[in-house]
Amino acid sequence: MEFAALAYVAVMSLILCILMYRDKAKATKKEWRIAEKTLFSVAILGGAIGGVLGMYLFRHKTRHNSFAFGFPLLAALQIYVLVTLLK
């Protein structure tokens, strides 16, 4: 159970980190972007840690308060849940 939860969060985090990279690439090319609600949905479903990582690795969405505060808050909550499960 614990390993499954950890693996799930790792996969969702990887997915969101890739989405953040792709959205940044689309933004620089002025192409059609990934919807913010899609990014937040993946974050809520367990990928917030990857979202925070992607935000700062790719310098993307760091000026948006909803992302700058929302992703780290969700990540902290997800880390808390994982640590609680792994005890």
Protein backbone atom coordinates (compact mmCIF):
# COMPACT_ATOMS: atom_id res chain seq x y z
CA MET A 1 0.00 0.00 0.00
CA GLU A 2 2.72 2.48 0.96
CA PHE A 3 4.81 1.69 -2.11
CA ALA A 4 1.76 2.05 -4.35
CA ALA A 5 0.99 5.49 -2.91
CA LEU A 6 4.60 6.60 -3.33
CA ALA A 7 4.72 5.28 -6.91
CA TYR A 8 1.41 6.98 -7.73
CA VAL A 9 2.62 10.37 -6.47
CA ALA A 10 5.93 9.93 -8.32
CA VAL A 11 4.18 9.18 -11.62
CA MET A 12 1.70 12.05 -11.23
CA SER A 13 4.56 14.40 -10.31
CA LEU A 14 6.51 13.35 -13.38
CA ILE A 15 3.45 13.92 -15.57
CA LEU A 16 2.87 17.41 -14.15
CA CYS A 17 6.55 18.33 -14.45
CA ILE A 18 6.43 17.33 -18.14
CA LEU A 19 3.20 19.31 -18.61
CA MET A 20 4.86 22.38 -17.07
CA TYR A 21 7.81 21.97 -19.48
CA ARG A 22 5.49 21.61 -22.48
CA ASP A 23 3.38 24.60 -21.43
CA LYS A 24 6.51 26.74 -21.05
CA ALA A 25 7.72 25.65 -24.50
CA LYS A 26 4.33 26.51 -25.98
CA ALA A 27 4.34 29.88 -24.21
CA THR A 28 7.71 30.86 -25.67
CA LYS A 29 6.51 29.89 -29.17
CA LYS A 30 3.19 31.71 -28.63
CA GLU A 31 1.24 28.52 -29.34
CA TRP A 32 -1.99 27.18 -27.86
CA ARG A 33 -1.35 26.53 -24.14
CA ILE A 34 -2.29 23.85 -21.66
CA ALA A 35 -5.28 25.00 -19.60
CA GLU A 36 -4.55 26.13 -16.06
CA LYS A 37 -7.37 23.96 -14.76
CA THR A 38 -5.64 20.94 -16.34
CA LEU A 39 -2.42 21.77 -14.50
CA PHE A 40 -4.28 22.23 -11.22
CA SER A 41 -6.27 19.03 -11.76
CA VAL A 42 -3.09 16.98 -12.12
CA ALA A 43 -1.65 18.75 -9.06
CA ILE A 44 -4.72 17.93 -6.97
CA LEU A 45 -4.63 14.33 -8.17
CA GLY A 46 -1.16 13.87 -6.69
CA GLY A 47 1.32 15.70 -8.89
CA ALA A 48 1.87 18.90 -6.91
CA ILE A 49 5.46 18.02 -6.02
CA GLY A 50 6.32 17.76 -9.71
CA GLY A 51 4.41 20.97 -10.34
CA VAL A 52 6.56 22.88 -7.86
CA LEU A 53 9.68 21.30 -9.32
CA GLY A 54 8.59 22.20 -12.86
CA MET A 55 7.65 25.73 -11.84
CA TYR A 56 11.13 26.52 -10.63
CA LEU A 57 13.13 24.36 -13.05
CA PHE A 58 11.51 25.97 -16.08
CA ARG A 59 10.72 29.36 -14.48
CA HIS A 60 7.10 28.96 -15.43
CA LYS A 61 4.00 30.32 -13.67
CA THR A 62 6.09 31.64 -10.78
CA ARG A 63 4.43 35.07 -10.93
CA HIS A 64 0.89 33.71 -10.74
CA ASN A 65 -0.19 33.77 -7.09
CA SER A 66 -2.53 30.83 -7.57
CA PHE A 67 0.42 28.71 -8.71
CA ALA A 68 3.10 30.26 -6.48
CA PHE A 69 1.04 29.53 -3.36
CA GLY A 70 -1.31 26.77 -4.52
CA PHE A 71 1.24 24.26 -5.82
CA PRO A 72 3.53 24.44 -2.76
CA LEU A 73 0.51 24.20 -0.43
CA LEU A 74 -0.77 21.13 -2.28
CA ALA A 75 2.75 19.66 -2.33
CA ALA A 76 3.12 20.13 1.42
CA LEU A 77 -0.23 18.46 1.98
CA GLN A 78 0.72 15.54 -0.27
CA ILE A 79 4.09 15.14 1.46
CA TYR A 80 2.33 15.14 4.82
CA VAL A 81 -0.06 12.42 3.66
CA LEU A 82 2.81 10.33 2.27
CA VAL A 83 4.86 10.64 5.46
CA THR A 84 1.80 9.72 7.51
CA LEU A 85 1.20 6.64 5.32
CA LEU A 86 4.83 5.54 5.49
CA LYS A 87 4.93 5.49 9.32
